[in-house]
PDB file of N, CA and C in Angstrom:
ATOM      1  N   UNK A   1      11.462  13.713 -15.042  1.00  0.00           N
ATOM      2  CA  UNK A   1      11.763  14.545 -13.901  1.00  0.00           C
ATOM      3  C   UNK A   1      11.895  13.737 -12.617  1.00  0.00           C
ATOM      4  N   UNK A   2      12.020  12.431 -12.728  1.00  0.00           N
ATOM      5  CA  UNK A   2      12.166  11.597 -11.548  1.00  0.00           C
ATOM      6  C   UNK A   2      10.864  11.159 -10.920  1.00  0.00           C
ATOM      7  N   UNK A   3       9.732  11.555 -11.491  1.00  0.00           N
ATOM      8  CA  UNK A   3       8.427  11.151 -10.960  1.00  0.00           C
ATOM      9  C   UNK A   3       7.838  10.043 -11.815  1.00  0.00           C
ATOM     10  N   UNK A   4       7.046   9.206 -11.165  1.00  0.00           N
ATOM     11  CA  UNK A   4       6.356   8.136 -11.887  1.00  0.00           C
ATOM     12  C   UNK A   4       4.899   8.101 -11.429  1.00  0.00           C
ATOM     13  N   UNK A   5       4.020   7.863 -12.366  1.00  0.00           N
ATOM     14  CA  UNK A   5       2.598   7.693 -12.084  1.00  0.00           C
ATOM     15  C   UNK A   5       2.149   6.426 -12.776  1.00  0.00           C
ATOM     16  N   UNK A   6       1.256   5.681 -12.143  1.00  0.00           N
ATOM     17  CA  UNK A   6       0.832   4.441 -12.761  1.00  0.00           C
ATOM     18  C   UNK A   6      -0.566   4.027 -12.356  1.00  0.00           C
ATOM     19  N   UNK A   7      -1.126   3.173 -13.196  1.00  0.00           N
ATOM     20  CA  UNK A   7      -2.429   2.559 -12.970  1.00  0.00           C
ATOM     21  C   UNK A   7      -2.279   1.089 -13.321  1.00  0.00           C
ATOM     22  N   UNK A   8      -2.830   0.218 -12.483  1.00  0.00           N
ATOM     23  CA  UNK A   8      -2.764  -1.212 -12.756  1.00  0.00           C
ATOM     24  C   UNK A   8      -4.130  -1.836 -12.493  1.00  0.00           C
ATOM     25  N   UNK A   9      -4.474  -2.807 -13.326  1.00  0.00           N
ATOM     26  CA  UNK A   9      -5.712  -3.559 -13.158  1.00  0.00           C
ATOM     27  C   UNK A   9      -5.368  -5.037 -13.217  1.00  0.00           C
ATOM     28  N   UNK A  10      -6.023  -5.825 -12.386  1.00  0.00           N
ATOM     29  CA  UNK A  10      -5.867  -7.271 -12.490  1.00  0.00           C
ATOM     30  C   UNK A  10      -7.226  -7.919 -12.301  1.00  0.00           C
ATOM     31  N   UNK A  11      -7.431  -8.989 -13.034  1.00  0.00           N
ATOM     32  CA  UNK A  11      -8.683  -9.736 -12.974  1.00  0.00           C
ATOM     33  C   UNK A  11      -8.337 -11.169 -12.596  1.00  0.00           C
ATOM     34  N   UNK A  12      -8.151 -11.406 -11.304  1.00  0.00           N
ATOM     35  CA  UNK A  12      -7.826 -12.736 -10.798  1.00  0.00           C
ATOM     36  C   UNK A  12      -9.085 -13.600 -10.779  1.00  0.00           C
ATOM     37  N   UNK A  13      -8.936 -14.923 -10.636  1.00  0.00           N
ATOM     38  CA  UNK A  13     -10.117 -15.789 -10.607  1.00  0.00           C
ATOM     39  C   UNK A  13     -11.100 -15.465  -9.479  1.00  0.00           C
ATOM     40  N   UNK A  14     -10.611 -14.932  -8.340  1.00  0.00           N
ATOM     41  CA  UNK A  14     -11.515 -14.687  -7.213  1.00  0.00           C
ATOM     42  C   UNK A  14     -11.798 -13.213  -6.939  1.00  0.00           C
ATOM     43  N   UNK A  15     -11.057 -12.290  -7.577  1.00  0.00           N
ATOM     44  CA  UNK A  15     -11.308 -10.862  -7.339  1.00  0.00           C
ATOM     45  C   UNK A  15     -10.662  -9.996  -8.415  1.00  0.00           C
ATOM     46  N   UNK A  16     -11.097  -8.731  -8.462  1.00  0.00           N
ATOM     47  CA  UNK A  16     -10.509  -7.744  -9.355  1.00  0.00           C
ATOM     48  C   UNK A  16      -9.846  -6.670  -8.500  1.00  0.00           C
ATOM     49  N   UNK A  17      -8.673  -6.187  -8.947  1.00  0.00           N
ATOM     50  CA  UNK A  17      -7.934  -5.151  -8.233  1.00  0.00           C
ATOM     51  C   UNK A  17      -7.671  -3.988  -9.177  1.00  0.00           C
ATOM     52  N   UNK A  18      -7.764  -2.778  -8.650  1.00  0.00           N
ATOM     53  CA  UNK A  18      -7.423  -1.567  -9.388  1.00  0.00           C
ATOM     54  C   UNK A  18      -6.505  -0.739  -8.504  1.00  0.00           C
ATOM     55  N   UNK A  19      -5.341  -0.337  -9.045  1.00  0.00           N
ATOM     56  CA  UNK A  19      -4.352   0.390  -8.255  1.00  0.00           C
ATOM     57  C   UNK A  19      -3.950   1.686  -8.936  1.00  0.00           C
ATOM     58  N   UNK A  20      -3.855   2.751  -8.149  1.00  0.00           N
ATOM     59  CA  UNK A  20      -3.274   4.021  -8.571  1.00  0.00           C
ATOM     60  C   UNK A  20      -1.979   4.208  -7.805  1.00  0.00           C
ATOM     61  N   UNK A  21      -0.913   4.665  -8.491  1.00  0.00           N
ATOM     62  CA  UNK A  21       0.388   4.802  -7.873  1.00  0.00           C
ATOM     63  C   UNK A  21       1.008   6.131  -8.277  1.00  0.00           C
ATOM     64  N   UNK A  22       1.627   6.823  -7.343  1.00  0.00           N
ATOM     65  CA  UNK A  22       2.365   8.048  -7.633  1.00  0.00           C
ATOM     66  C   UNK A  22       3.664   8.045  -6.843  1.00  0.00           C
ATOM     67  N   UNK A  23       4.764   8.297  -7.533  1.00  0.00           N
ATOM     68  CA  UNK A  23       6.079   8.408  -6.898  1.00  0.00           C
ATOM     69  C   UNK A  23       6.638   9.774  -7.260  1.00  0.00           C
ATOM     70  N   UNK A  24       6.715  10.674  -6.284  1.00  0.00           N
ATOM     71  CA  UNK A  24       7.172  12.041  -6.514  1.00  0.00           C
ATOM     72  C   UNK A  24       8.601  12.237  -6.037  1.00  0.00           C
ATOM     73  N   UNK A  25       9.400  11.187  -6.107  1.00  0.00           N
ATOM     74  CA  UNK A  25      10.750  11.212  -5.564  1.00  0.00           C
ATOM     75  C   UNK A  25      11.642  12.314  -6.090  1.00  0.00           C
ATOM     76  N   UNK A  26      11.537  12.687  -7.341  1.00  0.00           N
ATOM     77  CA  UNK A  26      12.441  13.675  -7.915  1.00  0.00           C
ATOM     78  C   UNK A  26      12.034  15.110  -7.702  1.00  0.00           C
ATOM     79  N   UNK A  27      10.834  15.380  -7.223  1.00  0.00           N
ATOM     80  CA  UNK A  27      10.344  16.749  -7.149  1.00  0.00           C
ATOM     81  C   UNK A  27      10.263  17.323  -5.753  1.00  0.00           C
ATOM     82  N   UNK A  28      10.679  16.600  -4.772  1.00  0.00           N
ATOM     83  CA  UNK A  28      10.524  17.061  -3.396  1.00  0.00           C
ATOM     84  C   UNK A  28      11.859  17.636  -2.908  1.00  0.00           C
ATOM     85  N   UNK A  29      11.864  18.794  -2.230  1.00  0.00           N
ATOM     86  CA  UNK A  29      13.128  19.370  -1.770  1.00  0.00           C
ATOM     87  C   UNK A  29      13.770  18.554  -0.651  1.00  0.00           C
ATOM     88  N   UNK A  30      15.023  18.843  -0.377  1.00  0.00           N
ATOM     89  CA  UNK A  30      15.798  18.233   0.698  1.00  0.00           C
ATOM     90  C   UNK A  30      16.069  16.749   0.480  1.00  0.00           C
ATOM     91  N   UNK A  31      15.925  16.247  -0.740  1.00  0.00           N
ATOM     92  CA  UNK A  31      16.202  14.846  -1.021  1.00  0.00           C
ATOM     93  C   UNK A  31      15.200  13.877  -0.455  1.00  0.00           C
ATOM     94  N   UNK A  32      14.024  14.357  -0.077  1.00  0.00           N
ATOM     95  CA  UNK A  32      12.981  13.501   0.482  1.00  0.00           C
ATOM     96  C   UNK A  32      12.050  13.047  -0.631  1.00  0.00           C
ATOM     97  N   UNK A  33      11.832  11.755  -0.716  1.00  0.00           N
ATOM     98  CA  UNK A  33      10.927  11.192  -1.706  1.00  0.00           C
ATOM     99  C   UNK A  33       9.583  10.864  -1.091  1.00  0.00           C
ATOM    100  N   UNK A  34       8.525  11.016  -1.867  1.00  0.00           N
ATOM    101  CA  UNK A  34       7.173  10.706  -1.409  1.00  0.00           C
ATOM    102  C   UNK A  34       6.512   9.822  -2.458  1.00  0.00           C
ATOM    103  N   UNK A  35       5.913   8.716  -2.005  1.00  0.00           N
ATOM    104  CA  UNK A  35       5.141   7.877  -2.919  1.00  0.00           C
ATOM    105  C   UNK A  35       3.859   7.436  -2.212  1.00  0.00           C
ATOM    106  N   UNK A  36       2.827   7.239  -3.015  1.00  0.00           N
ATOM    107  CA  UNK A  36       1.524   6.844  -2.486  1.00  0.00           C
ATOM    108  C   UNK A  36       0.915   5.793  -3.395  1.00  0.00           C
ATOM    109  N   UNK A  37       0.132   4.892  -2.786  1.00  0.00           N
ATOM    110  CA  UNK A  37      -0.551   3.836  -3.533  1.00  0.00           C
ATOM    111  C   UNK A  37      -1.952   3.663  -2.942  1.00  0.00           C
ATOM    112  N   UNK A  38      -2.949   3.556  -3.814  1.00  0.00           N
ATOM    113  CA  UNK A  38      -4.334   3.326  -3.395  1.00  0.00           C
ATOM    114  C   UNK A  38      -4.892   2.197  -4.254  1.00  0.00           C
ATOM    115  N   UNK A  39      -5.447   1.162  -3.617  1.00  0.00           N
ATOM    116  CA  UNK A  39      -5.957   0.001  -4.346  1.00  0.00           C
ATOM    117  C   UNK A  39      -7.358  -0.343  -3.875  1.00  0.00           C
ATOM    118  N   UNK A  40      -8.226  -0.677  -4.824  1.00  0.00           N
ATOM    119  CA  UNK A  40      -9.548  -1.212  -4.498  1.00  0.00           C
ATOM    120  C   UNK A  40      -9.563  -2.684  -4.874  1.00  0.00           C
ATOM    121  N   UNK A  41     -10.244  -3.483  -4.065  1.00  0.00           N
ATOM    122  CA  UNK A  41     -10.347  -4.935  -4.266  1.00  0.00           C
ATOM    123  C   UNK A  41     -11.833  -5.296  -4.268  1.00  0.00           C
ATOM    124  N   UNK A  42     -12.271  -5.993  -5.291  1.00  0.00           N
ATOM    125  CA  UNK A  42     -13.675  -6.415  -5.410  1.00  0.00           C
ATOM    126  C   UNK A  42     -13.699  -7.935  -5.552  1.00  0.00           C
ATOM    127  N   UNK A  43     -14.276  -8.633  -4.560  1.00  0.00           N
ATOM    128  CA  UNK A  43     -14.390 -10.091  -4.625  1.00  0.00           C
ATOM    129  C   UNK A  43     -15.502 -10.496  -5.580  1.00  0.00           C
ATOM    130  N   UNK A  44     -15.292 -11.590  -6.322  1.00  0.00           N
ATOM    131  CA  UNK A  44     -16.354 -12.130  -7.181  1.00  0.00           C
ATOM    132  C   UNK A  44     -17.477 -12.717  -6.335  1.00  0.00           C
ATOM    133  N   UNK A  45     -17.130 -13.353  -5.222  1.00  0.00           N
ATOM    134  CA  UNK A  45     -18.098 -13.874  -4.258  1.00  0.00           C
ATOM    135  C   UNK A  45     -17.738 -13.293  -2.903  1.00  0.00           C
ATOM    136  N   UNK A  46     -18.687 -12.658  -2.201  1.00  0.00           N
ATOM    137  CA  UNK A  46     -18.371 -12.079  -0.890  1.00  0.00           C
ATOM    138  C   UNK A  46     -17.752 -13.103   0.054  1.00  0.00           C
ATOM    139  N   UNK A  47     -16.821 -12.633   0.863  1.00  0.00           N
ATOM    140  CA  UNK A  47     -16.114 -13.477   1.823  1.00  0.00           C
ATOM    141  C   UNK A  47     -16.837 -13.404   3.162  1.00  0.00           C
ATOM    142  N   UNK A  48     -17.088 -14.554   3.749  1.00  0.00           N
ATOM    143  CA  UNK A  48     -17.772 -14.620   5.032  1.00  0.00           C
ATOM    144  C   UNK A  48     -16.812 -14.229   6.156  1.00  0.00           C
ATOM    145  N   UNK A  49     -17.276 -13.318   7.014  1.00  0.00           N
ATOM    146  CA  UNK A  49     -16.525 -12.917   8.202  1.00  0.00           C
ATOM    147  C   UNK A  49     -17.435 -13.076   9.410  1.00  0.00           C
ATOM    148  N   UNK A  50     -16.901 -12.861  10.584  1.00  0.00           N
ATOM    149  CA  UNK A  50     -17.633 -13.084  11.828  1.00  0.00           C
ATOM    150  C   UNK A  50     -18.971 -12.349  11.889  1.00  0.00           C
ATOM    151  N   UNK A  51     -19.018 -11.119  11.398  1.00  0.00           N
ATOM    152  CA  UNK A  51     -20.251 -10.328  11.511  1.00  0.00           C
ATOM    153  C   UNK A  51     -20.949 -10.085  10.167  1.00  0.00           C
ATOM    154  N   UNK A  52     -20.735 -10.965   9.200  1.00  0.00           N
ATOM    155  CA  UNK A  52     -21.424 -10.829   7.909  1.00  0.00           C
ATOM    156  C   UNK A  52     -20.546 -11.220   6.739  1.00  0.00           C
ATOM    157  N   UNK A  53     -20.546 -10.381   5.710  1.00  0.00           N
ATOM    158  CA  UNK A  53     -19.790 -10.643   4.491  1.00  0.00           C
ATOM    159  C   UNK A  53     -19.039  -9.391   4.055  1.00  0.00           C
ATOM    160  N   UNK A  54     -17.902  -9.621   3.368  1.00  0.00           N
ATOM    161  CA  UNK A  54     -17.133  -8.526   2.783  1.00  0.00           C
ATOM    162  C   UNK A  54     -17.088  -8.763   1.279  1.00  0.00           C
ATOM    163  N   UNK A  55     -17.620  -7.800   0.515  1.00  0.00           N
ATOM    164  CA  UNK A  55     -17.604  -7.912  -0.939  1.00  0.00           C
ATOM    165  C   UNK A  55     -16.498  -7.100  -1.582  1.00  0.00           C
ATOM    166  N   UNK A  56     -16.053  -6.045  -0.896  1.00  0.00           N
ATOM    167  CA  UNK A  56     -14.980  -5.210  -1.429  1.00  0.00           C
ATOM    168  C   UNK A  56     -14.314  -4.443  -0.292  1.00  0.00           C
ATOM    169  N   UNK A  57     -13.132  -3.969  -0.546  1.00  0.00           N
ATOM    170  CA  UNK A  57     -12.409  -3.134   0.405  1.00  0.00           C
ATOM    171  C   UNK A  57     -11.332  -2.373  -0.351  1.00  0.00           C
ATOM    172  N   UNK A  58     -10.712  -1.429   0.312  1.00  0.00           N
ATOM    173  CA  UNK A  58      -9.601  -0.694  -0.282  1.00  0.00           C
ATOM    174  C   UNK A  58      -8.454  -0.644   0.717  1.00  0.00           C
ATOM    175  N   UNK A  59      -7.245  -0.463   0.194  1.00  0.00           N
ATOM    176  CA  UNK A  59      -6.101  -0.236   1.065  1.00  0.00           C
ATOM    177  C   UNK A  59      -5.198   0.811   0.423  1.00  0.00           C
ATOM    178  N   UNK A  60      -4.350   1.408   1.251  1.00  0.00           N
ATOM    179  CA  UNK A  60      -3.498   2.485   0.769  1.00  0.00           C
ATOM    180  C   UNK A  60      -2.217   2.528   1.581  1.00  0.00           C
ATOM    181  N   UNK A  61      -1.222   3.203   1.016  1.00  0.00           N
ATOM    182  CA  UNK A  61       0.021   3.407   1.745  1.00  0.00           C
ATOM    183  C   UNK A  61       0.648   4.720   1.295  1.00  0.00           C
ATOM    184  N   UNK A  62       1.372   5.322   2.207  1.00  0.00           N
ATOM    185  CA  UNK A  62       2.112   6.552   1.958  1.00  0.00           C
ATOM    186  C   UNK A  62       3.528   6.326   2.468  1.00  0.00           C
ATOM    187  N   UNK A  63       4.519   6.564   1.603  1.00  0.00           N
ATOM    188  CA  UNK A  63       5.916   6.322   1.988  1.00  0.00           C
ATOM    189  C   UNK A  63       6.720   7.609   1.803  1.00  0.00           C
ATOM    190  N   UNK A  64       7.457   7.958   2.837  1.00  0.00           N
ATOM    191  CA  UNK A  64       8.388   9.079   2.789  1.00  0.00           C
ATOM    192  C   UNK A  64       9.776   8.483   2.930  1.00  0.00           C
ATOM    193  N   UNK A  65      10.677   8.804   2.007  1.00  0.00           N
ATOM    194  CA  UNK A  65      11.999   8.184   2.027  1.00  0.00           C
ATOM    195  C   UNK A  65      13.087   9.232   1.851  1.00  0.00           C
ATOM    196  N   UNK A  66      14.255   8.881   2.399  1.00  0.00           N
ATOM    197  CA  UNK A  66      15.411   9.768   2.290  1.00  0.00           C
ATOM    198  C   UNK A  66      16.676   8.958   2.532  1.00  0.00           C
ATOM    199  N   UNK A  67      17.670   9.136   1.657  1.00  0.00           N
ATOM    200  CA  UNK A  67      18.959   8.510   1.947  1.00  0.00           C
ATOM    201  C   UNK A  67      19.699   9.303   3.022  1.00  0.00           C
ATOM    202  N   UNK A  68      20.407   8.590   3.905  1.00  0.00           N
ATOM    203  CA  UNK A  68      21.162   9.232   4.975  1.00  0.00           C
ATOM    204  C   UNK A  68      22.410   8.407   5.267  1.00  0.00           C
ATOM    205  N   UNK A  69      23.572   8.960   5.002  1.00  0.00           N
ATOM    206  CA  UNK A  69      24.857   8.313   5.264  1.00  0.00           C
ATOM    207  C   UNK A  69      24.938   6.902   4.705  1.00  0.00           C
ATOM    208  N   UNK A  70      24.489   6.732   3.479  1.00  0.00           N
ATOM    209  CA  UNK A  70      24.540   5.434   2.826  1.00  0.00           C
ATOM    210  C   UNK A  70      23.415   4.483   3.206  1.00  0.00           C
ATOM    211  N   UNK A  71      22.476   4.943   4.027  1.00  0.00           N
ATOM    212  CA  UNK A  71      21.342   4.119   4.445  1.00  0.00           C
ATOM    213  C   UNK A  71      20.079   4.693   3.826  1.00  0.00           C
ATOM    214  N   UNK A  72      19.252   3.842   3.271  1.00  0.00           N
ATOM    215  CA  UNK A  72      17.948   4.258   2.750  1.00  0.00           C
ATOM    216  C   UNK A  72      16.940   4.187   3.895  1.00  0.00           C
ATOM    217  N   UNK A  73      16.370   5.333   4.277  1.00  0.00           N
ATOM    218  CA  UNK A  73      15.380   5.403   5.347  1.00  0.00           C
ATOM    219  C   UNK A  73      13.989   5.572   4.742  1.00  0.00           C
ATOM    220  N   UNK A  74      13.051   4.749   5.144  1.00  0.00           N
ATOM    221  CA  UNK A  74      11.665   4.833   4.684  1.00  0.00           C
ATOM    222  C   UNK A  74      10.745   4.859   5.895  1.00  0.00           C
ATOM    223  N   UNK A  75       9.810   5.785   5.899  1.00  0.00           N
ATOM    224  CA  UNK A  75       8.741   5.833   6.888  1.00  0.00           C
ATOM    225  C   UNK A  75       7.456   5.564   6.118  1.00  0.00           C
ATOM    226  N   UNK A  76       6.764   4.487   6.457  1.00  0.00           N
ATOM    227  CA  UNK A  76       5.615   4.025   5.680  1.00  0.00           C
ATOM    228  C   UNK A  76       4.392   3.912   6.579  1.00  0.00           C
ATOM    229  N   UNK A  77       3.292   4.508   6.143  1.00  0.00           N
ATOM    230  CA  UNK A  77       2.017   4.318   6.834  1.00  0.00           C
ATOM    231  C   UNK A  77       1.085   3.602   5.869  1.00  0.00           C
ATOM    232  N   UNK A  78       0.470   2.512   6.318  1.00  0.00           N
ATOM    233  CA  UNK A  78      -0.487   1.780   5.495  1.00  0.00           C
ATOM    234  C   UNK A  78      -1.733   1.485   6.314  1.00  0.00           C
ATOM    235  N   UNK A  79      -2.856   1.341   5.622  1.00  0.00           N
ATOM    236  CA  UNK A  79      -4.131   1.087   6.283  1.00  0.00           C
ATOM    237  C   UNK A  79      -5.092   0.522   5.253  1.00  0.00           C
ATOM    238  N   UNK A  80      -6.260   0.095   5.715  1.00  0.00           N
ATOM    239  CA  UNK A  80      -7.303  -0.398   4.815  1.00  0.00           C
ATOM    240  C   UNK A  80      -8.661   0.019   5.351  1.00  0.00           C
ATOM    241  N   UNK A  81      -9.680  -0.197   4.541  1.00  0.00           N
ATOM    242  CA  UNK A  81     -11.041   0.140   4.953  1.00  0.00           C
ATOM    243  C   UNK A  81     -11.638  -0.918   5.874  1.00  0.00           C
ATOM    244  N   UNK A  82     -10.924  -2.016   6.093  1.00  0.00           N
ATOM    245  CA  UNK A  82     -11.389  -3.078   6.982  1.00  0.00           C
ATOM    246  C   UNK A  82     -10.787  -2.886   8.371  1.00  0.00           C
ATOM    247  N   UNK A  83     -11.480  -3.395   9.379  1.00  0.00           N
ATOM    248  CA  UNK A  83     -10.932  -3.362  10.734  1.00  0.00           C
ATOM    249  C   UNK A  83     -11.558  -4.476  11.564  1.00  0.00           C
ATOM    250  N   UNK A  84     -10.928  -4.754  12.695  1.00  0.00           N
ATOM    251  CA  UNK A  84     -11.453  -5.755  13.619  1.00  0.00           C
ATOM    252  C   UNK A  84     -11.601  -7.125  12.985  1.00  0.00           C
ATOM    253  N   UNK A  85     -12.746  -7.772  13.225  1.00  0.00           N
ATOM    254  CA  UNK A  85     -12.970  -9.136  12.721  1.00  0.00           C
ATOM    255  C   UNK A  85     -13.083  -9.175  11.201  1.00  0.00           C
ATOM    256  N   UNK A  86     -13.375  -8.042  10.564  1.00  0.00           N
ATOM    257  CA  UNK A  86     -13.482  -8.000   9.103  1.00  0.00           C
ATOM    258  C   UNK A  86     -12.106  -8.156   8.439  1.00  0.00           C
ATOM    259  N   UNK A  87     -11.039  -7.992   9.217  1.00  0.00           N
ATOM    260  CA  UNK A  87      -9.688  -8.163   8.675  1.00  0.00           C
ATOM    261  C   UNK A  87      -9.425  -9.599   8.200  1.00  0.00           C
ATOM    262  N   UNK A  88     -10.226 -10.543   8.633  1.00  0.00           N
ATOM    263  CA  UNK A  88     -10.034 -11.920   8.166  1.00  0.00           C
ATOM    264  C   UNK A  88     -10.262 -12.030   6.659  1.00  0.00           C
ATOM    265  N   UNK A  89     -10.932 -11.050   6.043  1.00  0.00           N
ATOM    266  CA  UNK A  89     -11.157 -11.049   4.600  1.00  0.00           C
ATOM    267  C   UNK A  89     -10.054 -10.308   3.851  1.00  0.00           C
ATOM    268  N   UNK A  90      -9.083  -9.739   4.565  1.00  0.00           N
ATOM    269  CA  UNK A  90      -8.053  -8.911   3.939  1.00  0.00           C
ATOM    270  C   UNK A  90      -7.079  -9.741   3.125  1.00  0.00           C
ATOM    271  N   UNK A  91      -6.801  -9.295   1.917  1.00  0.00           N
ATOM    272  CA  UNK A  91      -5.803  -9.935   1.055  1.00  0.00           C
ATOM    273  C   UNK A  91      -5.161  -8.878   0.171  1.00  0.00           C
ATOM    274  N   UNK A  92      -4.813  -7.748   0.755  1.00  0.00           N
ATOM    275  CA  UNK A  92      -4.277  -6.635  -0.011  1.00  0.00           C
ATOM    276  C   UNK A  92      -2.773  -6.625  -0.100  1.00  0.00           C
ATOM    277  N   UNK A  93      -2.237  -5.486  -0.547  1.00  0.00           N
ATOM    278  CA  UNK A  93      -0.804  -5.324  -0.785  1.00  0.00           C
ATOM    279  C   UNK A  93      -0.002  -5.103   0.485  1.00  0.00           C
ATOM    280  N   UNK A  94      -0.614  -4.512   1.499  1.00  0.00           N
ATOM    281  CA  UNK A  94       0.107  -4.158   2.712  1.00  0.00           C
ATOM    282  C   UNK A  94       0.283  -5.376   3.607  1.00  0.00           C
ATOM    283  N   UNK A  95       1.209  -5.284   4.542  1.00  0.00           N
ATOM    284  CA  UNK A  95       1.479  -6.439   5.404  1.00  0.00           C
ATOM    285  C   UNK A  95       0.426  -6.621   6.488  1.00  0.00           C
ATOM    286  N   UNK A  96      -0.333  -5.585   6.801  1.00  0.00           N
ATOM    287  CA  UNK A  96      -1.360  -5.649   7.843  1.00  0.00           C
ATOM    288  C   UNK A  96      -2.647  -5.003   7.341  1.00  0.00           C
ATOM    289  N   UNK A  97      -3.778  -5.458   7.855  1.00  0.00           N
ATOM    290  CA  UNK A  97      -5.082  -4.889   7.524  1.00  0.00           C
ATOM    291  C   UNK A  97      -5.292  -3.557   8.225  1.00  0.00           C
ATOM    292  N   UNK A  98      -5.050  -3.531   9.536  1.00  0.00           N
ATOM    293  CA  UNK A  98      -5.220  -2.304  10.319  1.00  0.00           C
ATOM    294  C   UNK A  98      -4.067  -1.348  10.052  1.00  0.00           C
ATOM    295  N   UNK A  99      -4.213  -0.097  10.493  1.00  0.00           N
ATOM    296  CA  UNK A  99      -3.174   0.901  10.301  1.00  0.00           C
ATOM    297  C   UNK A  99      -1.837   0.443  10.860  1.00  0.00           C
ATOM    298  N   UNK A 100      -0.770   0.689  10.103  1.00  0.00           N
ATOM    299  CA  UNK A 100       0.558   0.250  10.504  1.00  0.00           C
ATOM    300  C   UNK A 100       1.575   1.312  10.106  1.00  0.00           C
ATOM    301  N   UNK A 101       2.399   1.739  11.044  1.00  0.00           N
ATOM    302  CA  UNK A 101       3.481   2.668  10.784  1.00  0.00           C
ATOM    303  C   UNK A 101       4.787   1.883  10.862  1.00  0.00           C
ATOM    304  N   UNK A 102       5.584   1.954   9.795  1.00  0.00           N
ATOM    305  CA  UNK A 102       6.808   1.166   9.698  1.00  0.00           C
ATOM    306  C   UNK A 102       7.993   2.082   9.415  1.00  0.00           C
ATOM    307  N   UNK A 103       9.091   1.885  10.129  1.00  0.00           N
ATOM    308  CA  UNK A 103      10.360   2.537   9.821  1.00  0.00           C
ATOM    309  C   UNK A 103      11.257   1.464   9.238  1.00  0.00           C
ATOM    310  N   UNK A 104      11.715   1.701   8.029  1.00  0.00           N
ATOM    311  CA  UNK A 104      12.547   0.719   7.332  1.00  0.00           C
ATOM    312  C   UNK A 104      13.905   1.364   7.053  1.00  0.00           C
ATOM    313  N   UNK A 105      14.977   0.659   7.407  1.00  0.00           N
ATOM    314  CA  UNK A 105      16.329   1.116   7.133  1.00  0.00           C
ATOM    315  C   UNK A 105      17.033   0.022   6.347  1.00  0.00           C
ATOM    316  N   UNK A 106      17.631   0.404   5.224  1.00  0.00           N
ATOM    317  CA  UNK A 106      18.327  -0.565   4.391  1.00  0.00           C
ATOM    318  C   UNK A 106      19.660   0.003   3.944  1.00  0.00           C
ATOM    319  N   UNK A 107      20.681  -0.838   3.949  1.00  0.00           N
ATOM    320  CA  UNK A 107      22.007  -0.443   3.496  1.00  0.00           C
ATOM    321  C   UNK A 107      22.481  -1.457   2.459  1.00  0.00           C
ATOM    322  N   UNK A 108      22.671  -1.019   1.225  1.00  0.00           N
ATOM    323  CA  UNK A 108      23.166  -1.966   0.210  1.00  0.00           C
ATOM    324  C   UNK A 108      24.645  -2.280   0.440  1.00  0.00           C
ATOM    325  N   UNK A 109      25.028  -3.535   0.280  1.00  0.00           N
ATOM    326  CA  UNK A 109      26.413  -3.956   0.499  1.00  0.00           C
ATOM    327  C   UNK A 109      27.172  -4.156  -0.791  1.00  0.00           C
ATOM    328  N   UNK A 110      26.566  -3.866  -1.934  1.00  0.00           N
ATOM    329  CA  UNK A 110      27.277  -4.006  -3.201  1.00  0.00           C
ATOM    330  C   UNK A 110      27.070  -2.809  -4.061  1.00  0.00           C
TER     331      UNK A 110
END
């Protein structure tokens, strides 16, 4: 039906990651797609930060997308459970540790 759901686990040498993913692109009216991702990260050894240690954190993102006149428009909000000086321990999927709202426009040329 155009929807995808997924779970991913990784056991890297320095941390373990668990991700839940949902893409509801085919079920939303008006041609608007919605996808969400939530990930937990657990360090094998806590990471030292300015005000202590970080042993685990989570990050998430919500994307709303719609094609418009041959352009793919995406509005993406991402955030994590870390903030301020604790962001130095961030190594997640999103481009920023703190909350970030992104408008992405892409036009394929082929």
